[in-house]
Amino acid sequence: MGNVYPQDEYVEQLPSPPRLVVPPPQPSGQEIKLKSIPTQPHGVFQGVPIDTSYIRSEWGSWEYSDRQRAQTILPCLLLGPFGVARNPQFMQSEVISMVVAIVFTRPGQAPMCPAAIRAAQEHGLDTYIASAFSNQDLIARFPDTSQAIHKHLNARKNSDVGPGKVFVCCSSGNELSAAVVVAYLLEATELGLIPAIQLVQYQRFCINLDDAMKHTLQAYEDIVQARREVKNDPSVAHVPRRQSIMCNTPVNSSVFARRGSKRTLDDEDDHVEMDGDSTMTDGTDKAHTSRAFAPFSGG
């Protein structure tokens, strides 16, 4: 038997998911390519595209002190740190009508009320607190938080006091609240994950979404897309699972018809026949020879 050589570096750790690369904002002096933001027909915007004239013409004007300020992500949605909500002059000048605070809590611990929420309540503003202790817990908060924002904007839209604005914040304005704003863009607009992150980063250059958070948002994008497909075509929700998983593979229905009985040799034969060319032929295992990569090779 000949020698066996590894074809790639061998590591003793669990494989990590591939990085989700988001291209940075364009160089200084170049206008953002997005001329308008398409929106969903259901919700606050009712399918009317959002004009992007409010977006900064260049991100080269960003300064370090801007981290402590709030930036406009949508005409009705701002993002920033807690400290901004304690500035009554800014809140009044921007006509902020609701403050949404995203706080990190330990499992089983009651969420603390940030000073930003207390300051907003003192000025008679609507408030909402979303607490999470992990990315998996945060993704469960996305729908309720987006619904709270939708509900407030719709109520103000139909009121006599005029349209409202929502300020979404966390301790830094760069992580949890930025993720919530991206999730809201995925629901309220037709932007995909990458353009949504780019829009937020273009307006607030200091956001910090690590790979784990990006993959959490990617999973939520799939959830949002699945909901839209079911809403647009309810019959999608009733597609049998075996057809939705392998739509192009013929399935022997007799195998699924005998659910109450044990599997027999005939069932095994049916399963082998369904696999087609993946079975062994002429002493050659095509399931192994068709691999694009082999971890070891013989010398």
C-alpha atoms as a PDB file:
ATOM      1  CA  MET A   1       0.000   0.000   0.000  1.00  0.00           C
ATOM      2  CA  GLY A   2       1.426   3.383  -1.010  1.00  0.00           C
ATOM      3  CA  ASN A   3       1.823   6.471   1.102  1.00  0.00           C
ATOM      4  CA  VAL A   4      -1.137   8.724   1.809  1.00  0.00           C
ATOM      5  CA  TYR A   5      -0.710  12.504   1.751  1.00  0.00           C
ATOM      6  CA  PRO A   6      -3.122  15.150   3.044  1.00  0.00           C
ATOM      7  CA  GLN A   7      -4.417  17.550   0.410  1.00  0.00           C
ATOM      8  CA  ASP A   8      -5.007  20.464   2.761  1.00  0.00           C
ATOM      9  CA  GLU A   9      -4.111  21.745   6.196  1.00  0.00           C
ATOM     10  CA  TYR A  10      -5.604  19.686   9.020  1.00  0.00           C
ATOM     11  CA  VAL A  11      -6.976  21.450  12.080  1.00  0.00           C
ATOM     12  CA  GLU A  12      -8.460  20.036  15.273  1.00  0.00           C
ATOM     13  CA  GLN A  13     -11.409  22.405  15.703  1.00  0.00           C
ATOM     14  CA  LEU A  14     -14.971  22.778  14.525  1.00  0.00           C
ATOM     15  CA  PRO A  15     -15.311  24.431  11.116  1.00  0.00           C
ATOM     16  CA  SER A  16     -16.511  28.023  11.220  1.00  0.00           C
ATOM     17  CA  PRO A  17     -19.152  29.372   8.808  1.00  0.00           C
ATOM     18  CA  PRO A  18     -17.867  31.361   5.844  1.00  0.00           C
ATOM     19  CA  ARG A  19     -17.431  35.066   6.415  1.00  0.00           C
ATOM     20  CA  LEU A  20     -20.193  37.331   5.197  1.00  0.00           C
ATOM     21  CA  VAL A  21     -18.260  40.132   3.524  1.00  0.00           C
ATOM     22  CA  VAL A  22     -20.019  43.500   3.245  1.00  0.00           C
ATOM     23  CA  PRO A  23     -18.224  45.917   0.895  1.00  0.00           C
ATOM     24  CA  PRO A  24     -17.426  49.201   2.691  1.00  0.00           C
ATOM     25  CA  PRO A  25     -18.982  52.528   1.691  1.00  0.00           C
ATOM     26  CA  GLN A  26     -17.758  54.097  -1.498  1.00  0.00           C
ATOM     27  CA  PRO A  27     -14.698  56.382  -1.457  1.00  0.00           C
ATOM     28  CA  SER A  28     -15.097  60.002  -0.488  1.00  0.00           C
ATOM     29  CA  GLY A  29     -16.630  62.239  -3.096  1.00  0.00           C
ATOM     30  CA  GLN A  30     -18.701  59.563  -4.843  1.00  0.00           C
ATOM     31  CA  GLU A  31     -22.465  59.701  -4.446  1.00  0.00           C
ATOM     32  CA  ILE A  32     -24.268  56.650  -3.196  1.00  0.00           C
ATOM     33  CA  LYS A  33     -25.669  54.684  -6.132  1.00  0.00           C
ATOM     34  CA  LEU A  34     -29.013  54.025  -4.455  1.00  0.00           C
ATOM     35  CA  LYS A  35     -31.381  56.652  -5.922  1.00  0.00           C
ATOM     36  CA  SER A  36     -34.482  55.398  -4.157  1.00  0.00           C
ATOM     37  CA  ILE A  37     -35.347  52.712  -1.647  1.00  0.00           C
ATOM     38  CA  PRO A  38     -38.134  50.329  -2.758  1.00  0.00           C
ATOM     39  CA  THR A  39     -40.598  49.536   0.026  1.00  0.00           C
ATOM     40  CA  GLN A  40     -43.092  46.805   0.803  1.00  0.00           C
ATOM     41  CA  PRO A  41     -46.729  47.308  -0.317  1.00  0.00           C
ATOM     42  CA  HIS A  42     -47.957  46.417   3.179  1.00  0.00           C
ATOM     43  CA  GLY A  43     -46.958  48.655   6.046  1.00  0.00           C
ATOM     44  CA  VAL A  44     -46.111  52.276   6.663  1.00  0.00           C
ATOM     45  CA  PHE A  45     -44.697  53.099   3.237  1.00  0.00           C
ATOM     46  CA  GLN A  46     -47.323  51.208   1.188  1.00  0.00           C
ATOM     47  CA  GLY A  47     -44.934  50.485  -1.653  1.00  0.00           C
ATOM     48  CA  VAL A  48     -43.969  54.136  -2.239  1.00  0.00           C
ATOM     49  CA  PRO A  49     -40.201  54.368  -2.890  1.00  0.00           C
ATOM     50  CA  ILE A  50     -38.216  56.460  -0.425  1.00  0.00           C
ATOM     51  CA  ASP A  51     -36.222  59.310  -1.925  1.00  0.00           C
ATOM     52  CA  THR A  52     -32.573  59.118  -0.851  1.00  0.00           C
ATOM     53  CA  SER A  53     -31.818  62.834  -1.045  1.00  0.00           C
ATOM     54  CA  TYR A  54     -31.403  62.830   2.747  1.00  0.00           C
ATOM     55  CA  ILE A  55     -28.416  60.466   2.518  1.00  0.00           C
ATOM     56  CA  ARG A  56     -25.017  62.079   2.957  1.00  0.00           C
ATOM     57  CA  SER A  57     -23.297  62.740  -0.361  1.00  0.00           C
ATOM     58  CA  GLU A  58     -19.955  61.491   0.922  1.00  0.00           C
ATOM     59  CA  TRP A  59     -18.794  59.574   3.959  1.00  0.00           C
ATOM     60  CA  GLY A  60     -15.406  61.270   3.973  1.00  0.00           C
ATOM     61  CA  SER A  61     -16.981  63.962   6.145  1.00  0.00           C
ATOM     62  CA  TRP A  62     -17.437  61.462   8.990  1.00  0.00           C
ATOM     63  CA  GLU A  63     -15.739  62.513  12.221  1.00  0.00           C
ATOM     64  CA  TYR A  64     -15.023  60.576  15.385  1.00  0.00           C
ATOM     65  CA  SER A  65     -17.371  62.807  17.374  1.00  0.00           C
ATOM     66  CA  ASP A  66     -20.242  61.644  15.137  1.00  0.00           C
ATOM     67  CA  ARG A  67     -20.284  58.435  17.163  1.00  0.00           C
ATOM     68  CA  GLN A  68     -22.022  60.338  19.944  1.00  0.00           C
ATOM     69  CA  ARG A  69     -24.677  61.729  17.599  1.00  0.00           C
ATOM     70  CA  ALA A  70     -27.688  60.152  15.892  1.00  0.00           C
ATOM     71  CA  GLN A  71     -27.853  59.531  12.158  1.00  0.00           C
ATOM     72  CA  THR A  72     -30.905  59.341   9.893  1.00  0.00           C
ATOM     73  CA  ILE A  73     -31.246  55.869   8.361  1.00  0.00           C
ATOM     74  CA  LEU A  74     -34.723  56.498   6.934  1.00  0.00           C
ATOM     75  CA  PRO A  75     -36.624  59.796   7.030  1.00  0.00           C
ATOM     76  CA  CYS A  76     -38.633  58.345   9.928  1.00  0.00           C
ATOM     77  CA  LEU A  77     -35.897  56.269  11.584  1.00  0.00           C
ATOM     78  CA  LEU A  78     -32.758  57.406  13.414  1.00  0.00           C
ATOM     79  CA  LEU A  79     -29.935  55.403  14.993  1.00  0.00           C
ATOM     80  CA  GLY A  80     -27.545  56.351  17.778  1.00  0.00           C
ATOM     81  CA  PRO A  81     -26.408  55.830  21.387  1.00  0.00           C
ATOM     82  CA  PHE A  82     -28.434  56.212  24.580  1.00  0.00           C
ATOM     83  CA  GLY A  83     -26.963  59.619  25.327  1.00  0.00           C
ATOM     84  CA  VAL A  84     -28.746  61.265  22.414  1.00  0.00           C
ATOM     85  CA  ALA A  85     -32.159  60.581  23.966  1.00  0.00           C
ATOM     86  CA  ARG A  86     -31.124  62.640  26.995  1.00  0.00           C
ATOM     87  CA  ASN A  87     -30.629  65.712  24.794  1.00  0.00           C
ATOM     88  CA  PRO A  88     -34.031  67.461  24.764  1.00  0.00           C
ATOM     89  CA  GLN A  89     -32.908  70.074  22.222  1.00  0.00           C
ATOM     90  CA  PHE A  90     -31.999  67.410  19.684  1.00  0.00           C
ATOM     91  CA  MET A  91     -35.126  65.379  20.325  1.00  0.00           C
ATOM     92  CA  GLN A  92     -37.308  68.430  19.786  1.00  0.00           C
ATOM     93  CA  SER A  93     -35.446  69.658  16.698  1.00  0.00           C
ATOM     94  CA  GLU A  94     -35.733  66.238  15.047  1.00  0.00           C
ATOM     95  CA  VAL A  95     -39.350  65.832  16.185  1.00  0.00           C
ATOM     96  CA  ILE A  96     -38.646  62.416  17.711  1.00  0.00           C
ATOM     97  CA  SER A  97     -41.898  60.827  18.857  1.00  0.00           C
ATOM     98  CA  MET A  98     -40.707  57.379  20.001  1.00  0.00           C
ATOM     99  CA  VAL A  99     -37.560  55.908  21.539  1.00  0.00           C
ATOM    100  CA  VAL A 100     -36.734  52.217  21.083  1.00  0.00           C
ATOM    101  CA  ALA A 101     -34.003  50.960  23.418  1.00  0.00           C
ATOM    102  CA  ILE A 102     -32.143  47.686  22.877  1.00  0.00           C
ATOM    103  CA  VAL A 103     -30.513  46.416  26.071  1.00  0.00           C
ATOM    104  CA  PHE A 104     -28.323  43.415  26.852  1.00  0.00           C
ATOM    105  CA  THR A 105     -29.440  41.312  29.816  1.00  0.00           C
ATOM    106  CA  ARG A 106     -28.317  38.115  31.486  1.00  0.00           C
ATOM    107  CA  PRO A 107     -30.577  35.051  31.234  1.00  0.00           C
ATOM    108  CA  GLY A 108     -33.332  35.240  33.823  1.00  0.00           C
ATOM    109  CA  GLN A 109     -32.541  38.844  34.697  1.00  0.00           C
ATOM    110  CA  ALA A 110     -35.158  41.559  34.328  1.00  0.00           C
ATOM    111  CA  PRO A 111     -34.150  44.211  31.782  1.00  0.00           C
ATOM    112  CA  MET A 112     -32.974  47.487  33.252  1.00  0.00           C
ATOM    113  CA  CYS A 113     -34.687  50.698  32.200  1.00  0.00           C
ATOM    114  CA  PRO A 114     -32.040  52.889  30.578  1.00  0.00           C
ATOM    115  CA  ALA A 115     -31.846  56.584  31.386  1.00  0.00           C
ATOM    116  CA  ALA A 116     -32.721  57.237  27.737  1.00  0.00           C
ATOM    117  CA  ILE A 117     -36.128  55.623  28.247  1.00  0.00           C
ATOM    118  CA  ARG A 118     -36.761  57.520  31.471  1.00  0.00           C
ATOM    119  CA  ALA A 119     -35.852  60.807  29.776  1.00  0.00           C
ATOM    120  CA  ALA A 120     -38.187  60.028  26.856  1.00  0.00           C
ATOM    121  CA  GLN A 121     -41.036  59.168  29.212  1.00  0.00           C
ATOM    122  CA  GLU A 122     -40.538  62.439  31.094  1.00  0.00           C
ATOM    123  CA  HIS A 123     -41.076  64.303  27.813  1.00  0.00           C
ATOM    124  CA  GLY A 124     -44.191  62.309  26.962  1.00  0.00           C
ATOM    125  CA  LEU A 125     -42.662  60.223  24.153  1.00  0.00           C
ATOM    126  CA  ASP A 126     -43.647  56.672  23.334  1.00  0.00           C
ATOM    127  CA  THR A 127     -41.071  54.115  24.422  1.00  0.00           C
ATOM    128  CA  TYR A 128     -40.256  50.468  23.792  1.00  0.00           C
ATOM    129  CA  ILE A 129     -37.581  48.250  25.353  1.00  0.00           C
ATOM    130  CA  ALA A 130     -36.258  45.092  23.699  1.00  0.00           C
ATOM    131  CA  SER A 131     -33.888  42.972  25.777  1.00  0.00           C
ATOM    132  CA  ALA A 132     -31.731  40.068  24.637  1.00  0.00           C
ATOM    133  CA  PHE A 133     -28.924  37.963  26.099  1.00  0.00           C
ATOM    134  CA  SER A 134     -27.600  36.446  22.827  1.00  0.00           C
ATOM    135  CA  ASN A 135     -27.874  36.699  19.065  1.00  0.00           C
ATOM    136  CA  GLN A 136     -30.348  33.824  19.038  1.00  0.00           C
ATOM    137  CA  ASP A 137     -32.446  35.634  21.610  1.00  0.00           C
ATOM    138  CA  LEU A 138     -32.201  38.901  19.675  1.00  0.00           C
ATOM    139  CA  ILE A 139     -33.542  37.355  16.463  1.00  0.00           C
ATOM    140  CA  ALA A 140     -36.715  36.488  18.386  1.00  0.00           C
ATOM    141  CA  ARG A 141     -37.077  40.179  19.276  1.00  0.00           C
ATOM    142  CA  PHE A 142     -36.838  41.437  15.693  1.00  0.00           C
ATOM    143  CA  PRO A 143     -40.523  40.881  14.722  1.00  0.00           C
ATOM    144  CA  ASP A 144     -41.959  42.460  17.889  1.00  0.00           C
ATOM    145  CA  THR A 145     -39.618  45.449  17.671  1.00  0.00           C
ATOM    146  CA  SER A 146     -40.413  46.050  13.998  1.00  0.00           C
ATOM    147  CA  GLN A 147     -44.115  45.694  14.778  1.00  0.00           C
ATOM    148  CA  ALA A 148     -43.822  48.300  17.547  1.00  0.00           C
ATOM    149  CA  ILE A 149     -42.147  50.724  15.131  1.00  0.00           C
ATOM    150  CA  HIS A 150     -44.773  50.023  12.450  1.00  0.00           C
ATOM    151  CA  LYS A 151     -47.607  50.511  14.905  1.00  0.00           C
ATOM    152  CA  HIS A 152     -46.278  53.848  16.129  1.00  0.00           C
ATOM    153  CA  LEU A 153     -45.575  55.252  12.662  1.00  0.00           C
ATOM    154  CA  ASN A 154     -48.986  54.176  11.397  1.00  0.00           C
ATOM    155  CA  ALA A 155     -50.719  55.775  14.377  1.00  0.00           C
ATOM    156  CA  ARG A 156     -48.853  59.044  13.871  1.00  0.00           C
ATOM    157  CA  LYS A 157     -49.459  58.940  10.128  1.00  0.00           C
ATOM    158  CA  ASN A 158     -53.219  58.877  10.676  1.00  0.00           C
ATOM    159  CA  SER A 159     -53.217  61.459  13.477  1.00  0.00           C
ATOM    160  CA  ASP A 160     -53.548  65.230  13.458  1.00  0.00           C
ATOM    161  CA  VAL A 161     -50.127  65.847  15.035  1.00  0.00           C
ATOM    162  CA  GLY A 162     -48.275  64.765  11.889  1.00  0.00           C
ATOM    163  CA  PRO A 163     -45.857  61.952  11.032  1.00  0.00           C
ATOM    164  CA  GLY A 164     -43.598  60.613  13.730  1.00  0.00           C
ATOM    165  CA  LYS A 165     -39.947  59.665  13.983  1.00  0.00           C
ATOM    166  CA  VAL A 166     -38.446  56.715  15.833  1.00  0.00           C
ATOM    167  CA  PHE A 167     -35.028  56.808  17.479  1.00  0.00           C
ATOM    168  CA  VAL A 168     -33.474  53.345  17.927  1.00  0.00           C
ATOM    169  CA  CYS A 169     -30.612  53.228  20.403  1.00  0.00           C
ATOM    170  CA  CYS A 170     -28.361  51.019  22.512  1.00  0.00           C
ATOM    171  CA  SER A 171     -25.375  51.756  24.734  1.00  0.00           C
ATOM    172  CA  SER A 172     -23.058  52.447  21.801  1.00  0.00           C
ATOM    173  CA  GLY A 173     -25.483  52.748  18.896  1.00  0.00           C
ATOM    174  CA  ASN A 174     -23.186  50.468  16.910  1.00  0.00           C
ATOM    175  CA  GLU A 175     -24.180  46.879  17.641  1.00  0.00           C
ATOM    176  CA  LEU A 176     -27.562  45.770  19.019  1.00  0.00           C
ATOM    177  CA  SER A 177     -29.505  48.805  17.817  1.00  0.00           C
ATOM    178  CA  ALA A 178     -27.759  48.685  14.430  1.00  0.00           C
ATOM    179  CA  ALA A 179     -28.832  45.048  14.026  1.00  0.00           C
ATOM    180  CA  VAL A 180     -32.433  45.947  14.908  1.00  0.00           C
ATOM    181  CA  VAL A 181     -32.420  48.756  12.316  1.00  0.00           C
ATOM    182  CA  VAL A 182     -31.070  46.385   9.635  1.00  0.00           C
ATOM    183  CA  ALA A 183     -33.793  43.868  10.539  1.00  0.00           C
ATOM    184  CA  TYR A 184     -36.403  46.618  10.208  1.00  0.00           C
ATOM    185  CA  LEU A 185     -35.079  47.523   6.756  1.00  0.00           C
ATOM    186  CA  LEU A 186     -35.403  43.880   5.715  1.00  0.00           C
ATOM    187  CA  GLU A 187     -39.078  43.944   6.712  1.00  0.00           C
ATOM    188  CA  ALA A 188     -40.150  47.438   5.640  1.00  0.00           C
ATOM    189  CA  THR A 189     -38.209  47.711   2.372  1.00  0.00           C
ATOM    190  CA  GLU A 190     -37.175  45.440  -0.462  1.00  0.00           C
ATOM    191  CA  LEU A 191     -33.487  45.773   0.318  1.00  0.00           C
ATOM    192  CA  GLY A 192     -31.474  42.609   0.742  1.00  0.00           C
ATOM    193  CA  LEU A 193     -29.145  42.030   3.667  1.00  0.00           C
ATOM    194  CA  ILE A 194     -25.980  43.438   2.084  1.00  0.00           C
ATOM    195  CA  PRO A 195     -27.605  46.676   0.763  1.00  0.00           C
ATOM    196  CA  ALA A 196     -29.391  47.146   4.099  1.00  0.00           C
ATOM    197  CA  ILE A 197     -26.141  46.895   6.054  1.00  0.00           C
ATOM    198  CA  GLN A 198     -24.434  49.188   3.553  1.00  0.00           C
ATOM    199  CA  LEU A 199     -27.160  51.807   3.921  1.00  0.00           C
ATOM    200  CA  VAL A 200     -26.850  51.807   7.709  1.00  0.00           C
ATOM    201  CA  GLN A 201     -23.064  51.874   7.533  1.00  0.00           C
ATOM    202  CA  TYR A 202     -23.104  54.658   4.973  1.00  0.00           C
ATOM    203  CA  GLN A 203     -25.092  56.842   7.346  1.00  0.00           C
ATOM    204  CA  ARG A 204     -23.443  55.664  10.576  1.00  0.00           C
ATOM    205  CA  PHE A 205     -19.940  54.613   9.636  1.00  0.00           C
ATOM    206  CA  CYS A 206     -19.030  53.283  13.098  1.00  0.00           C
ATOM    207  CA  ILE A 207     -21.521  50.381  13.300  1.00  0.00           C
ATOM    208  CA  ASN A 208     -19.910  47.126  14.356  1.00  0.00           C
ATOM    209  CA  LEU A 209     -21.685  43.961  13.227  1.00  0.00           C
ATOM    210  CA  ASP A 210     -19.485  40.935  13.802  1.00  0.00           C
ATOM    211  CA  ASP A 211     -19.707  37.726  11.770  1.00  0.00           C
ATOM    212  CA  ALA A 212     -22.062  36.088  14.284  1.00  0.00           C
ATOM    213  CA  MET A 213     -24.488  39.007  14.074  1.00  0.00           C
ATOM    214  CA  LYS A 214     -24.305  39.068  10.274  1.00  0.00           C
ATOM    215  CA  HIS A 215     -25.203  35.378  10.128  1.00  0.00           C
ATOM    216  CA  THR A 216     -28.068  36.037  12.562  1.00  0.00           C
ATOM    217  CA  LEU A 217     -29.375  38.740  10.245  1.00  0.00           C
ATOM    218  CA  GLN A 218     -28.896  36.440   7.257  1.00  0.00           C
ATOM    219  CA  ALA A 219     -31.057  33.832   8.978  1.00  0.00           C
ATOM    220  CA  TYR A 220     -33.675  36.476   9.696  1.00  0.00           C
ATOM    221  CA  GLU A 221     -33.633  37.563   6.055  1.00  0.00           C
ATOM    222  CA  ASP A 222     -34.582  33.994   5.101  1.00  0.00           C
ATOM    223  CA  ILE A 223     -37.422  34.085   7.635  1.00  0.00           C
ATOM    224  CA  VAL A 224     -38.728  37.385   6.261  1.00  0.00           C
ATOM    225  CA  GLN A 225     -38.545  36.105   2.692  1.00  0.00           C
ATOM    226  CA  ALA A 226     -40.394  32.913   3.624  1.00  0.00           C
ATOM    227  CA  ARG A 227     -43.168  34.930   5.279  1.00  0.00           C
ATOM    228  CA  ARG A 228     -43.563  37.053   2.162  1.00  0.00           C
ATOM    229  CA  GLU A 229     -43.805  34.003  -0.068  1.00  0.00           C
ATOM    230  CA  VAL A 230     -46.488  32.482   2.134  1.00  0.00           C
ATOM    231  CA  LYS A 231     -48.361  35.791   2.276  1.00  0.00           C
ATOM    232  CA  ASN A 232     -48.251  36.236  -1.494  1.00  0.00           C
ATOM    233  CA  ASP A 233     -49.096  32.605  -2.204  1.00  0.00           C
ATOM    234  CA  PRO A 234     -50.723  30.769   0.734  1.00  0.00           C
ATOM    235  CA  SER A 235     -50.519  27.475  -1.153  1.00  0.00           C
ATOM    236  CA  VAL A 236     -46.741  27.497  -0.554  1.00  0.00           C
ATOM    237  CA  ALA A 237     -47.345  26.748   3.125  1.00  0.00           C
ATOM    238  CA  HIS A 238     -49.199  23.538   2.216  1.00  0.00           C
ATOM    239  CA  VAL A 239     -46.579  22.032  -0.095  1.00  0.00           C
ATOM    240  CA  PRO A 240     -45.683  18.524   1.151  1.00  0.00           C
ATOM    241  CA  ARG A 241     -42.272  18.520   2.792  1.00  0.00           C
ATOM    242  CA  ARG A 242     -40.858  15.800   0.553  1.00  0.00           C
ATOM    243  CA  GLN A 243     -41.679  17.908  -2.499  1.00  0.00           C
ATOM    244  CA  SER A 244     -40.290  21.154  -1.109  1.00  0.00           C
ATOM    245  CA  ILE A 245     -36.984  19.601  -0.080  1.00  0.00           C
ATOM    246  CA  MET A 246     -36.233  17.701  -3.309  1.00  0.00           C
ATOM    247  CA  CYS A 247     -38.516  19.099  -5.985  1.00  0.00           C
ATOM    248  CA  ASN A 248     -36.569  17.667  -8.917  1.00  0.00           C
ATOM    249  CA  THR A 249     -36.188  14.159  -7.526  1.00  0.00           C
ATOM    250  CA  PRO A 250     -38.892  11.571  -8.261  1.00  0.00           C
ATOM    251  CA  VAL A 251     -40.218  10.066  -5.039  1.00  0.00           C
ATOM    252  CA  ASN A 252     -41.734   6.594  -4.788  1.00  0.00           C
ATOM    253  CA  SER A 253     -45.009   7.359  -2.974  1.00  0.00           C
ATOM    254  CA  SER A 254     -45.402   3.757  -1.831  1.00  0.00           C
ATOM    255  CA  VAL A 255     -42.568   4.282   0.628  1.00  0.00           C
ATOM    256  CA  PHE A 256     -44.455   7.161   2.299  1.00  0.00           C
ATOM    257  CA  ALA A 257     -47.815   5.353   2.101  1.00  0.00           C
ATOM    258  CA  ARG A 258     -46.731   2.602   4.501  1.00  0.00           C
ATOM    259  CA  ARG A 259     -45.903   4.879   7.433  1.00  0.00           C
ATOM    260  CA  GLY A 260     -47.503   2.609   9.996  1.00  0.00           C
ATOM    261  CA  SER A 261     -45.481  -0.473   9.061  1.00  0.00           C
ATOM    262  CA  LYS A 262     -41.816  -1.308   9.343  1.00  0.00           C
ATOM    263  CA  ARG A 263     -39.523  -0.835   6.387  1.00  0.00           C
ATOM    264  CA  THR A 264     -38.992  -3.901   4.226  1.00  0.00           C
ATOM    265  CA  LEU A 265     -36.369  -4.983   1.737  1.00  0.00           C
ATOM    266  CA  ASP A 266     -38.624  -3.700  -1.041  1.00  0.00           C
ATOM    267  CA  ASP A 267     -38.534  -0.283   0.554  1.00  0.00           C
ATOM    268  CA  GLU A 268     -34.753  -0.425   0.654  1.00  0.00           C
ATOM    269  CA  ASP A 269     -34.714  -1.355  -3.056  1.00  0.00           C
ATOM    270  CA  ASP A 270     -37.015   1.567  -3.823  1.00  0.00           C
ATOM    271  CA  HIS A 271     -34.679   3.889  -1.927  1.00  0.00           C
ATOM    272  CA  VAL A 272     -31.659   2.614  -3.856  1.00  0.00           C
ATOM    273  CA  GLU A 273     -33.452   2.994  -7.182  1.00  0.00           C
ATOM    274  CA  MET A 274     -34.393   6.550  -6.293  1.00  0.00           C
ATOM    275  CA  ASP A 275     -30.725   7.430  -5.873  1.00  0.00           C
ATOM    276  CA  GLY A 276     -30.065   6.553  -9.514  1.00  0.00           C
ATOM    277  CA  ASP A 277     -26.447   6.982 -10.601  1.00  0.00           C
ATOM    278  CA  SER A 278     -25.200   7.315  -7.028  1.00  0.00           C
ATOM    279  CA  THR A 279     -25.137   3.490  -6.679  1.00  0.00           C
ATOM    280  CA  MET A 280     -22.071   1.373  -7.374  1.00  0.00           C
ATOM    281  CA  THR A 281     -21.600   0.330 -10.997  1.00  0.00           C
ATOM    282  CA  ASP A 282     -18.839  -1.870 -12.412  1.00  0.00           C
ATOM    283  CA  GLY A 283     -17.122  -1.981  -9.039  1.00  0.00           C
ATOM    284  CA  THR A 284     -16.736   1.843  -8.894  1.00  0.00           C
ATOM    285  CA  ASP A 285     -18.318   3.964  -6.180  1.00  0.00           C
ATOM    286  CA  LYS A 286     -19.350   7.117  -8.055  1.00  0.00           C
ATOM    287  CA  ALA A 287     -20.421   8.752  -4.805  1.00  0.00           C
ATOM    288  CA  HIS A 288     -16.733   8.937  -3.929  1.00  0.00           C
ATOM    289  CA  THR A 289     -15.121   9.349  -7.356  1.00  0.00           C
ATOM    290  CA  SER A 290     -17.353  12.342  -8.193  1.00  0.00           C
ATOM    291  CA  ARG A 291     -16.110  14.389  -5.254  1.00  0.00           C
ATOM    292  CA  ALA A 292     -14.572  17.709  -6.176  1.00  0.00           C
ATOM    293  CA  PHE A 293     -12.160  17.461  -3.247  1.00  0.00           C
ATOM    294  CA  ALA A 294     -10.562  14.468  -1.548  1.00  0.00           C
ATOM    295  CA  PRO A 295      -8.932  15.019   1.850  1.00  0.00           C
ATOM    296  CA  PHE A 296      -6.130  12.541   1.138  1.00  0.00           C
ATOM    297  CA  SER A 297      -4.409  11.173  -1.925  1.00  0.00           C
ATOM    298  CA  GLY A 298      -2.209   8.137  -2.483  1.00  0.00           C
ATOM    299  CA  GLY A 299       1.358   8.458  -3.650  1.00  0.00           C
END
